[in-house]
C-alpha atoms as a PDB file:
ATOM      1  CA  MET A   1      -8.965 -22.823 -23.516  1.00  0.00           C
ATOM      2  CA  GLU A   2     -11.776 -22.265 -21.012  1.00  0.00           C
ATOM      3  CA  ASN A   3     -14.269 -23.439 -23.675  1.00  0.00           C
ATOM      4  CA  TYR A   4     -12.623 -26.858 -23.823  1.00  0.00           C
ATOM      5  CA  SER A   5     -11.997 -29.647 -21.348  1.00  0.00           C
ATOM      6  CA  PHE A   6      -8.795 -31.658 -21.794  1.00  0.00           C
ATOM      7  CA  ILE A   7      -9.116 -35.404 -22.519  1.00  0.00           C
ATOM      8  CA  ARG A   8      -5.632 -36.661 -23.443  1.00  0.00           C
ATOM      9  CA  VAL A   9      -2.441 -35.946 -25.379  1.00  0.00           C
ATOM     10  CA  VAL A  10      -2.685 -37.532 -28.835  1.00  0.00           C
ATOM     11  CA  GLY A  11       0.664 -36.482 -30.286  1.00  0.00           C
ATOM     12  CA  LYS A  12       3.922 -34.695 -29.635  1.00  0.00           C
ATOM     13  CA  GLY A  13       6.324 -33.205 -32.128  1.00  0.00           C
ATOM     14  CA  SER A  14       9.178 -30.770 -32.449  1.00  0.00           C
ATOM     15  CA  TYR A  15       6.598 -27.959 -32.559  1.00  0.00           C
ATOM     16  CA  GLY A  16       4.709 -28.793 -29.356  1.00  0.00           C
ATOM     17  CA  GLU A  17       1.833 -31.137 -28.653  1.00  0.00           C
ATOM     18  CA  VAL A  18      -1.603 -32.144 -29.888  1.00  0.00           C
ATOM     19  CA  ASN A  19      -4.387 -32.620 -27.344  1.00  0.00           C
ATOM     20  CA  LEU A  20      -7.792 -34.209 -27.646  1.00  0.00           C
ATOM     21  CA  VAL A  21     -10.392 -31.961 -26.026  1.00  0.00           C
ATOM     22  CA  LYS A  22     -14.149 -31.636 -25.670  1.00  0.00           C
ATOM     23  CA  HIS A  23     -16.001 -28.385 -26.298  1.00  0.00           C
ATOM     24  CA  ARG A  24     -17.876 -27.592 -23.075  1.00  0.00           C
ATOM     25  CA  THR A  25     -21.065 -26.255 -24.666  1.00  0.00           C
ATOM     26  CA  GLU A  26     -21.126 -28.161 -27.981  1.00  0.00           C
ATOM     27  CA  GLY A  27     -20.083 -31.453 -26.383  1.00  0.00           C
ATOM     28  CA  LYS A  28     -18.043 -32.175 -29.531  1.00  0.00           C
ATOM     29  CA  GLN A  29     -14.484 -33.503 -29.555  1.00  0.00           C
ATOM     30  CA  TYR A  30     -11.683 -31.572 -31.265  1.00  0.00           C
ATOM     31  CA  VAL A  31      -7.921 -31.749 -31.408  1.00  0.00           C
ATOM     32  CA  ILE A  32      -5.938 -28.700 -30.404  1.00  0.00           C
ATOM     33  CA  LYS A  33      -2.462 -28.213 -31.787  1.00  0.00           C
ATOM     34  CA  LYS A  34      -0.369 -26.218 -29.371  1.00  0.00           C
ATOM     35  CA  LEU A  35       2.751 -24.376 -30.432  1.00  0.00           C
ATOM     36  CA  ASN A  36       5.089 -22.616 -28.051  1.00  0.00           C
ATOM     37  CA  LEU A  37       5.743 -19.251 -29.686  1.00  0.00           C
ATOM     38  CA  CYS A  38       8.492 -18.291 -27.228  1.00  0.00           C
ATOM     39  CA  THR A  39      10.699 -21.291 -27.946  1.00  0.00           C
ATOM     40  CA  SER A  40       9.761 -21.920 -31.564  1.00  0.00           C
ATOM     41  CA  SER A  41      11.828 -20.607 -34.416  1.00  0.00           C
ATOM     42  CA  LYS A  42      10.546 -17.887 -36.706  1.00  0.00           C
ATOM     43  CA  ARG A  43      10.014 -20.579 -39.325  1.00  0.00           C
ATOM     44  CA  GLU A  44       7.907 -22.823 -37.053  1.00  0.00           C
ATOM     45  CA  ARG A  45       5.918 -19.825 -35.925  1.00  0.00           C
ATOM     46  CA  LYS A  46       5.248 -18.766 -39.486  1.00  0.00           C
ATOM     47  CA  ALA A  47       4.299 -22.321 -40.467  1.00  0.00           C
ATOM     48  CA  ALA A  48       1.806 -22.628 -37.610  1.00  0.00           C
ATOM     49  CA  GLU A  49       0.231 -19.239 -38.254  1.00  0.00           C
ATOM     50  CA  GLN A  50       0.062 -20.109 -41.936  1.00  0.00           C
ATOM     51  CA  GLU A  51      -1.627 -23.416 -41.169  1.00  0.00           C
ATOM     52  CA  ALA A  52      -4.264 -21.661 -39.070  1.00  0.00           C
ATOM     53  CA  GLN A  53      -4.767 -19.006 -41.715  1.00  0.00           C
ATOM     54  CA  LEU A  54      -4.974 -21.575 -44.490  1.00  0.00           C
ATOM     55  CA  LEU A  55      -7.290 -23.986 -42.690  1.00  0.00           C
ATOM     56  CA  SER A  56      -9.737 -21.208 -41.881  1.00  0.00           C
ATOM     57  CA  GLN A  57     -10.200 -20.620 -45.622  1.00  0.00           C
ATOM     58  CA  LEU A  58     -10.570 -24.247 -46.699  1.00  0.00           C
ATOM     59  CA  LYS A  59     -13.928 -26.004 -46.849  1.00  0.00           C
ATOM     60  CA  HIS A  60     -13.805 -29.501 -48.293  1.00  0.00           C
ATOM     61  CA  PRO A  61     -15.280 -32.807 -47.038  1.00  0.00           C
ATOM     62  CA  ASN A  62     -11.852 -34.494 -47.327  1.00  0.00           C
ATOM     63  CA  ILE A  63      -9.762 -31.833 -45.590  1.00  0.00           C
ATOM     64  CA  VAL A  64      -9.468 -31.604 -41.802  1.00  0.00           C
ATOM     65  CA  THR A  65     -11.988 -29.053 -40.531  1.00  0.00           C
ATOM     66  CA  TYR A  66     -10.831 -25.917 -38.789  1.00  0.00           C
ATOM     67  CA  ARG A  67     -12.679 -24.672 -35.683  1.00  0.00           C
ATOM     68  CA  GLU A  68     -10.681 -21.667 -34.456  1.00  0.00           C
ATOM     69  CA  SER A  69      -7.222 -20.485 -33.441  1.00  0.00           C
ATOM     70  CA  TRP A  70      -5.921 -18.021 -30.888  1.00  0.00           C
ATOM     71  CA  GLU A  71      -2.792 -16.892 -29.102  1.00  0.00           C
ATOM     72  CA  GLY A  72      -2.888 -17.539 -25.384  1.00  0.00           C
ATOM     73  CA  GLU A  73      -1.365 -15.311 -22.713  1.00  0.00           C
ATOM     74  CA  ASP A  74       0.972 -18.247 -22.041  1.00  0.00           C
ATOM     75  CA  CYS A  75       2.862 -17.516 -25.284  1.00  0.00           C
ATOM     76  CA  GLN A  76       1.209 -20.471 -27.056  1.00  0.00           C
ATOM     77  CA  LEU A  77      -0.585 -20.557 -30.388  1.00  0.00           C
ATOM     78  CA  TYR A  78      -3.639 -22.845 -30.277  1.00  0.00           C
ATOM     79  CA  ILE A  79      -5.296 -24.310 -33.391  1.00  0.00           C
ATOM     80  CA  ALA A  80      -8.551 -26.230 -32.834  1.00  0.00           C
ATOM     81  CA  MET A  81      -9.411 -28.720 -35.581  1.00  0.00           C
ATOM     82  CA  GLY A  82     -11.812 -31.574 -36.245  1.00  0.00           C
ATOM     83  CA  PHE A  83     -10.922 -34.828 -34.489  1.00  0.00           C
ATOM     84  CA  CYS A  84     -10.491 -37.889 -36.730  1.00  0.00           C
ATOM     85  CA  GLU A  85     -11.420 -40.862 -34.543  1.00  0.00           C
ATOM     86  CA  GLY A  86      -9.980 -43.388 -36.995  1.00  0.00           C
ATOM     87  CA  GLY A  87      -6.408 -42.148 -36.527  1.00  0.00           C
ATOM     88  CA  ASP A  88      -3.981 -41.814 -39.416  1.00  0.00           C
ATOM     89  CA  LEU A  89      -3.751 -43.895 -42.569  1.00  0.00           C
ATOM     90  CA  TYR A  90      -0.181 -44.982 -41.809  1.00  0.00           C
ATOM     91  CA  HIS A  91      -1.266 -46.833 -38.654  1.00  0.00           C
ATOM     92  CA  THR A  92      -4.419 -48.162 -40.331  1.00  0.00           C
ATOM     93  CA  LEU A  93      -2.240 -49.802 -43.014  1.00  0.00           C
ATOM     94  CA  LYS A  94       0.178 -51.134 -40.362  1.00  0.00           C
ATOM     95  CA  GLU A  95      -2.764 -52.763 -38.557  1.00  0.00           C
ATOM     96  CA  GLN A  96      -3.499 -54.825 -41.688  1.00  0.00           C
ATOM     97  CA  LYS A  97      -0.403 -56.872 -40.735  1.00  0.00           C
ATOM     98  CA  GLY A  98       0.269 -57.700 -44.385  1.00  0.00           C
ATOM     99  CA  LYS A  99      -3.345 -58.552 -45.294  1.00  0.00           C
ATOM    100  CA  LEU A 100      -4.147 -56.532 -48.420  1.00  0.00           C
ATOM    101  CA  LEU A 101      -7.133 -54.190 -48.500  1.00  0.00           C
ATOM    102  CA  ALA A 102     -10.030 -54.741 -50.912  1.00  0.00           C
ATOM    103  CA  GLU A 103      -9.394 -52.951 -54.206  1.00  0.00           C
ATOM    104  CA  SER A 104     -12.621 -50.955 -53.766  1.00  0.00           C
ATOM    105  CA  GLN A 105     -11.303 -49.641 -50.422  1.00  0.00           C
ATOM    106  CA  VAL A 106      -7.939 -48.646 -51.883  1.00  0.00           C
ATOM    107  CA  VAL A 107      -9.620 -46.744 -54.707  1.00  0.00           C
ATOM    108  CA  GLU A 108     -12.252 -45.158 -52.483  1.00  0.00           C
ATOM    109  CA  TRP A 109      -9.582 -43.717 -50.182  1.00  0.00           C
ATOM    110  CA  PHE A 110      -7.372 -42.800 -53.114  1.00  0.00           C
ATOM    111  CA  VAL A 111     -10.189 -40.824 -54.775  1.00  0.00           C
ATOM    112  CA  GLN A 112     -10.891 -38.913 -51.556  1.00  0.00           C
ATOM    113  CA  ILE A 113      -7.210 -37.986 -51.150  1.00  0.00           C
ATOM    114  CA  ALA A 114      -7.082 -36.967 -54.829  1.00  0.00           C
ATOM    115  CA  MET A 115     -10.224 -34.821 -54.465  1.00  0.00           C
ATOM    116  CA  ALA A 116      -8.713 -33.002 -51.474  1.00  0.00           C
ATOM    117  CA  LEU A 117      -5.542 -32.434 -53.493  1.00  0.00           C
ATOM    118  CA  GLN A 118      -7.454 -31.212 -56.536  1.00  0.00           C
ATOM    119  CA  TYR A 119      -9.282 -28.697 -54.319  1.00  0.00           C
ATOM    120  CA  LEU A 120      -5.941 -27.408 -52.968  1.00  0.00           C
ATOM    121  CA  HIS A 121      -4.361 -27.234 -56.420  1.00  0.00           C
ATOM    122  CA  GLU A 122      -7.336 -25.300 -57.794  1.00  0.00           C
ATOM    123  CA  LYS A 123      -6.641 -22.747 -55.066  1.00  0.00           C
ATOM    124  CA  ASN A 124      -2.955 -22.704 -56.068  1.00  0.00           C
ATOM    125  CA  ILE A 125      -1.926 -24.369 -52.825  1.00  0.00           C
ATOM    126  CA  LEU A 126       0.692 -27.110 -52.722  1.00  0.00           C
ATOM    127  CA  HIS A 127       0.437 -29.535 -49.825  1.00  0.00           C
ATOM    128  CA  ARG A 128       4.169 -30.336 -49.894  1.00  0.00           C
ATOM    129  CA  ASP A 129       4.038 -32.950 -47.166  1.00  0.00           C
ATOM    130  CA  LEU A 130       1.469 -35.466 -48.335  1.00  0.00           C
ATOM    131  CA  LYS A 131       2.136 -38.830 -46.658  1.00  0.00           C
ATOM    132  CA  THR A 132       0.073 -41.499 -44.951  1.00  0.00           C
ATOM    133  CA  GLN A 133       0.843 -40.015 -41.493  1.00  0.00           C
ATOM    134  CA  ASN A 134      -0.861 -36.762 -42.598  1.00  0.00           C
ATOM    135  CA  ILE A 135      -3.987 -38.459 -43.931  1.00  0.00           C
ATOM    136  CA  PHE A 136      -6.620 -39.165 -41.293  1.00  0.00           C
ATOM    137  CA  LEU A 137      -9.793 -41.226 -41.048  1.00  0.00           C
ATOM    138  CA  THR A 138     -13.081 -40.407 -39.358  1.00  0.00           C
ATOM    139  CA  ARG A 139     -15.107 -42.942 -37.400  1.00  0.00           C
ATOM    140  CA  THR A 140     -16.988 -43.783 -40.623  1.00  0.00           C
ATOM    141  CA  ASN A 141     -13.782 -44.233 -42.665  1.00  0.00           C
ATOM    142  CA  ILE A 142     -13.946 -40.899 -44.473  1.00  0.00           C
ATOM    143  CA  ILE A 143     -10.550 -39.499 -45.456  1.00  0.00           C
ATOM    144  CA  LYS A 144      -9.421 -36.115 -44.120  1.00  0.00           C
ATOM    145  CA  VAL A 145      -6.144 -34.693 -45.386  1.00  0.00           C
ATOM    146  CA  GLY A 146      -4.369 -32.642 -42.720  1.00  0.00           C
ATOM    147  CA  ASP A 147      -1.093 -31.013 -41.722  1.00  0.00           C
ATOM    148  CA  LEU A 148      -1.021 -28.127 -44.126  1.00  0.00           C
ATOM    149  CA  GLY A 149       1.566 -26.272 -42.067  1.00  0.00           C
ATOM    150  CA  ILE A 150       4.161 -26.298 -44.807  1.00  0.00           C
ATOM    151  CA  ALA A 151       1.765 -25.933 -47.694  1.00  0.00           C
ATOM    152  CA  ARG A 152       2.552 -22.945 -49.833  1.00  0.00           C
ATOM    153  CA  VAL A 153       0.173 -20.741 -51.688  1.00  0.00           C
ATOM    154  CA  LEU A 154       1.473 -20.354 -55.183  1.00  0.00           C
ATOM    155  CA  GLU A 155       1.084 -16.910 -56.692  1.00  0.00           C
ATOM    156  CA  ASN A 156      -0.037 -18.487 -59.935  1.00  0.00           C
ATOM    157  CA  GLN A 157       0.017 -21.844 -61.717  1.00  0.00           C
ATOM    158  CA  ASN A 158       3.537 -21.238 -63.089  1.00  0.00           C
ATOM    159  CA  ASP A 159       5.165 -20.245 -59.842  1.00  0.00           C
ATOM    160  CA  MET A 160       7.541 -22.876 -58.555  1.00  0.00           C
ATOM    161  CA  ALA A 161       8.281 -23.597 -54.941  1.00  0.00           C
ATOM    162  CA  SER A 162      11.927 -24.422 -54.656  1.00  0.00           C
ATOM    163  CA  THR A 163      12.453 -25.077 -50.969  1.00  0.00           C
ATOM    164  CA  LEU A 164      13.565 -28.575 -50.112  1.00  0.00           C
ATOM    165  CA  ILE A 165      10.958 -29.761 -47.660  1.00  0.00           C
ATOM    166  CA  GLY A 166       8.830 -32.790 -46.813  1.00  0.00           C
ATOM    167  CA  THR A 167       9.405 -36.426 -45.866  1.00  0.00           C
ATOM    168  CA  PRO A 168      12.142 -38.322 -47.782  1.00  0.00           C
ATOM    169  CA  TYR A 169      10.007 -41.424 -48.562  1.00  0.00           C
ATOM    170  CA  TYR A 170       7.498 -39.288 -50.452  1.00  0.00           C
ATOM    171  CA  MET A 171       9.831 -36.761 -52.028  1.00  0.00           C
ATOM    172  CA  SER A 172       9.920 -36.493 -55.809  1.00  0.00           C
ATOM    173  CA  PRO A 173      13.121 -36.875 -57.882  1.00  0.00           C
ATOM    174  CA  GLU A 174      13.130 -33.182 -58.844  1.00  0.00           C
ATOM    175  CA  LEU A 175      13.385 -32.187 -55.171  1.00  0.00           C
ATOM    176  CA  PHE A 176      16.633 -34.111 -54.722  1.00  0.00           C
ATOM    177  CA  SER A 177      17.999 -32.579 -57.909  1.00  0.00           C
ATOM    178  CA  ASN A 178      17.345 -29.157 -56.374  1.00  0.00           C
ATOM    179  CA  LYS A 179      14.939 -28.349 -59.174  1.00  0.00           C
ATOM    180  CA  PRO A 180      12.022 -26.080 -58.374  1.00  0.00           C
ATOM    181  CA  TYR A 181       8.796 -27.974 -57.918  1.00  0.00           C
ATOM    182  CA  ASN A 182       5.127 -27.404 -58.545  1.00  0.00           C
ATOM    183  CA  HIS A 183       1.913 -29.386 -58.067  1.00  0.00           C
ATOM    184  CA  LYS A 184       3.427 -32.395 -59.870  1.00  0.00           C
ATOM    185  CA  SER A 185       5.485 -33.118 -56.710  1.00  0.00           C
ATOM    186  CA  ASP A 186       2.220 -33.554 -54.805  1.00  0.00           C
ATOM    187  CA  VAL A 187       1.135 -35.977 -57.555  1.00  0.00           C
ATOM    188  CA  TRP A 188       4.328 -38.007 -56.945  1.00  0.00           C
ATOM    189  CA  ALA A 189       3.499 -38.115 -53.205  1.00  0.00           C
ATOM    190  CA  LEU A 190      -0.063 -39.162 -54.083  1.00  0.00           C
ATOM    191  CA  GLY A 191       1.423 -42.005 -56.156  1.00  0.00           C
ATOM    192  CA  CYS A 192       3.554 -43.043 -53.162  1.00  0.00           C
ATOM    193  CA  CYS A 193       0.447 -43.067 -50.916  1.00  0.00           C
ATOM    194  CA  ALA A 194      -1.534 -45.094 -53.486  1.00  0.00           C
ATOM    195  CA  TYR A 195       1.338 -47.603 -53.738  1.00  0.00           C
ATOM    196  CA  GLU A 196       1.416 -47.898 -49.951  1.00  0.00           C
ATOM    197  CA  MET A 197      -2.349 -48.508 -49.754  1.00  0.00           C
ATOM    198  CA  ALA A 198      -2.146 -51.189 -52.470  1.00  0.00           C
ATOM    199  CA  THR A 199       0.944 -53.032 -51.194  1.00  0.00           C
ATOM    200  CA  LEU A 200       1.228 -51.970 -47.519  1.00  0.00           C
ATOM    201  CA  LYS A 201       4.871 -51.024 -48.271  1.00  0.00           C
ATOM    202  CA  HIS A 202       6.705 -47.798 -49.077  1.00  0.00           C
ATOM    203  CA  ALA A 203       7.162 -47.353 -52.826  1.00  0.00           C
ATOM    204  CA  PHE A 204      10.809 -46.444 -52.202  1.00  0.00           C
ATOM    205  CA  ASN A 205      12.659 -47.882 -49.266  1.00  0.00           C
ATOM    206  CA  ALA A 206      16.317 -48.121 -48.293  1.00  0.00           C
ATOM    207  CA  LYS A 207      18.578 -48.602 -45.301  1.00  0.00           C
ATOM    208  CA  ASP A 208      20.020 -45.084 -45.445  1.00  0.00           C
ATOM    209  CA  MET A 209      19.330 -41.669 -46.901  1.00  0.00           C
ATOM    210  CA  ASN A 210      21.851 -41.911 -49.765  1.00  0.00           C
ATOM    211  CA  SER A 211      20.448 -45.211 -51.011  1.00  0.00           C
ATOM    212  CA  LEU A 212      16.918 -43.841 -50.709  1.00  0.00           C
ATOM    213  CA  VAL A 213      17.788 -40.763 -52.755  1.00  0.00           C
ATOM    214  CA  TYR A 214      19.458 -42.963 -55.376  1.00  0.00           C
ATOM    215  CA  ARG A 215      16.372 -45.205 -55.587  1.00  0.00           C
ATOM    216  CA  ILE A 216      14.053 -42.250 -56.041  1.00  0.00           C
ATOM    217  CA  VAL A 217      16.201 -40.373 -58.549  1.00  0.00           C
ATOM    218  CA  GLU A 218      17.889 -43.152 -60.525  1.00  0.00           C
ATOM    219  CA  GLY A 219      16.366 -46.428 -59.433  1.00  0.00           C
ATOM    220  CA  LYS A 220      13.773 -48.577 -61.146  1.00  0.00           C
ATOM    221  CA  LEU A 221      10.152 -48.330 -60.144  1.00  0.00           C
ATOM    222  CA  PRO A 222       9.071 -50.875 -57.546  1.00  0.00           C
ATOM    223  CA  PRO A 223       6.939 -53.759 -58.859  1.00  0.00           C
ATOM    224  CA  MET A 224       3.316 -52.685 -59.219  1.00  0.00           C
ATOM    225  CA  PRO A 225       0.586 -54.364 -57.136  1.00  0.00           C
ATOM    226  CA  LYS A 226      -0.360 -57.699 -58.742  1.00  0.00           C
ATOM    227  CA  ASP A 227      -3.532 -58.403 -56.782  1.00  0.00           C
ATOM    228  CA  TYR A 228      -5.679 -55.662 -58.281  1.00  0.00           C
ATOM    229  CA  ASN A 229      -6.867 -54.432 -61.652  1.00  0.00           C
ATOM    230  CA  PRO A 230      -3.747 -53.724 -63.804  1.00  0.00           C
ATOM    231  CA  LEU A 231      -5.246 -50.275 -64.494  1.00  0.00           C
ATOM    232  CA  LEU A 232      -4.534 -49.343 -60.877  1.00  0.00           C
ATOM    233  CA  GLY A 233      -0.878 -50.303 -61.359  1.00  0.00           C
ATOM    234  CA  GLU A 234      -0.748 -48.242 -64.558  1.00  0.00           C
ATOM    235  CA  LEU A 235      -2.192 -45.235 -62.761  1.00  0.00           C
ATOM    236  CA  ILE A 236       0.365 -45.519 -59.931  1.00  0.00           C
ATOM    237  CA  ARG A 237       3.165 -45.946 -62.479  1.00  0.00           C
ATOM    238  CA  SER A 238       2.095 -42.730 -64.271  1.00  0.00           C
ATOM    239  CA  MET A 239       2.113 -40.758 -60.990  1.00  0.00           C
ATOM    240  CA  LEU A 240       5.614 -42.077 -60.250  1.00  0.00           C
ATOM    241  CA  SER A 241       7.087 -40.946 -63.572  1.00  0.00           C
ATOM    242  CA  LYS A 242      10.582 -39.568 -62.940  1.00  0.00           C
ATOM    243  CA  LYS A 243       9.884 -36.494 -65.086  1.00  0.00           C
ATOM    244  CA  PRO A 244       7.245 -34.160 -63.601  1.00  0.00           C
ATOM    245  CA  GLU A 245       5.884 -33.351 -67.064  1.00  0.00           C
ATOM    246  CA  ASP A 246       5.087 -37.045 -67.609  1.00  0.00           C
ATOM    247  CA  ARG A 247       2.869 -37.203 -64.515  1.00  0.00           C
ATOM    248  CA  PRO A 248      -0.853 -36.556 -64.936  1.00  0.00           C
ATOM    249  CA  ASP A 249      -2.378 -33.741 -62.922  1.00  0.00           C
ATOM    250  CA  VAL A 250      -5.022 -34.616 -60.328  1.00  0.00           C
ATOM    251  CA  LYS A 251      -7.945 -33.439 -62.454  1.00  0.00           C
ATOM    252  CA  HIS A 252      -6.819 -35.804 -65.229  1.00  0.00           C
ATOM    253  CA  ILE A 253      -6.423 -38.691 -62.749  1.00  0.00           C
ATOM    254  CA  LEU A 254      -9.994 -38.264 -61.505  1.00  0.00           C
ATOM    255  CA  ARG A 255     -11.286 -38.327 -65.092  1.00  0.00           C
ATOM    256  CA  GLN A 256      -9.692 -41.666 -65.977  1.00  0.00           C
ATOM    257  CA  PRO A 257     -12.366 -44.250 -66.962  1.00  0.00           C
ATOM    258  CA  TYR A 258     -11.142 -46.784 -64.359  1.00  0.00           C
ATOM    259  CA  ILE A 259     -11.412 -44.179 -61.570  1.00  0.00           C
ATOM    260  CA  LYS A 260     -14.746 -42.809 -62.830  1.00  0.00           C
ATOM    261  CA  ARG A 261     -16.222 -46.337 -62.818  1.00  0.00           C
ATOM    262  CA  GLN A 262     -15.096 -46.836 -59.222  1.00  0.00           C
ATOM    263  CA  ILE A 263     -16.526 -43.448 -58.212  1.00  0.00           C
ATOM    264  CA  SER A 264     -19.940 -44.342 -59.650  1.00  0.00           C
ATOM    265  CA  VAL A 265     -19.845 -47.701 -57.824  1.00  0.00           C
ATOM    266  CA  PHE A 266     -19.365 -46.123 -54.427  1.00  0.00           C
ATOM    267  CA  LEU A 267     -21.775 -43.287 -55.137  1.00  0.00           C
ATOM    268  CA  GLU A 268     -24.418 -45.954 -55.768  1.00  0.00           C
ATOM    269  CA  ALA A 269     -23.442 -47.670 -52.506  1.00  0.00           C
ATOM    270  CA  THR A 270     -23.674 -44.336 -50.651  1.00  0.00           C
ATOM    271  CA  LYS A 271     -27.125 -43.716 -52.098  1.00  0.00           C
ATOM    272  CA  ALA A 272     -28.309 -47.132 -50.920  1.00  0.00           C
ATOM    273  CA  TYR A 273     -26.841 -46.382 -47.491  1.00  0.00           C
ATOM    274  CA  VAL A 274     -28.538 -42.969 -47.216  1.00  0.00           C
ATOM    275  CA  TYR A 275     -31.972 -44.150 -48.238  1.00  0.00           C
END
């Protein structure tokens, strides 16, 4: 820790806390996730070590950058990661106070999340906890997907992770039916995030856990966003198909003509901005 000066606590969780720090020689800001190894369970310990291990191997413009990790003499595991000044997507959407985002913004963020997910899936990694609280924004509104602590490296494309894990709002029907899940569960969560960006509401909401589970497993799909191109609604609907085999994979999503058109539009805009 001697290389960093403490600025403030940015988050607390069951695992420990997250601090904003400044690197003394680089002058750059980072966040440091701190996990108490003495009090944490074997599972939490394993998850944190796995996150550090995983992050150190990932290099993608839309995934939170990893700086370093170490075990302190104080029985703490420290993971230093890139700081996303824009905070998380969940709070960004809340701040809209019901005022819908421009369609171009929804799609631009969606594509960046999808590209991060495609990169993970190509490496046989499932995120397993994709939600708007785990998607961060930089100062310039670039998406960074984070919190890979419970991601699982799949041995091969056909391996299925069957642990029940994640956040109920974003959990796919097959998880509640105790069926093993693969990358198509991440696609469901991606659909939930896209729905949230387009409507500023959870795709599936209920007063209690039982009703929520019923909605996800048996219930009808929520009404699709009316204020945007119907193709966006169709795409979200396909990601929220109850049967995993009916959901497109991320590579297929990024190749859809509607998405490709949007990508070329913001690539043009980026070019104009750079030059």
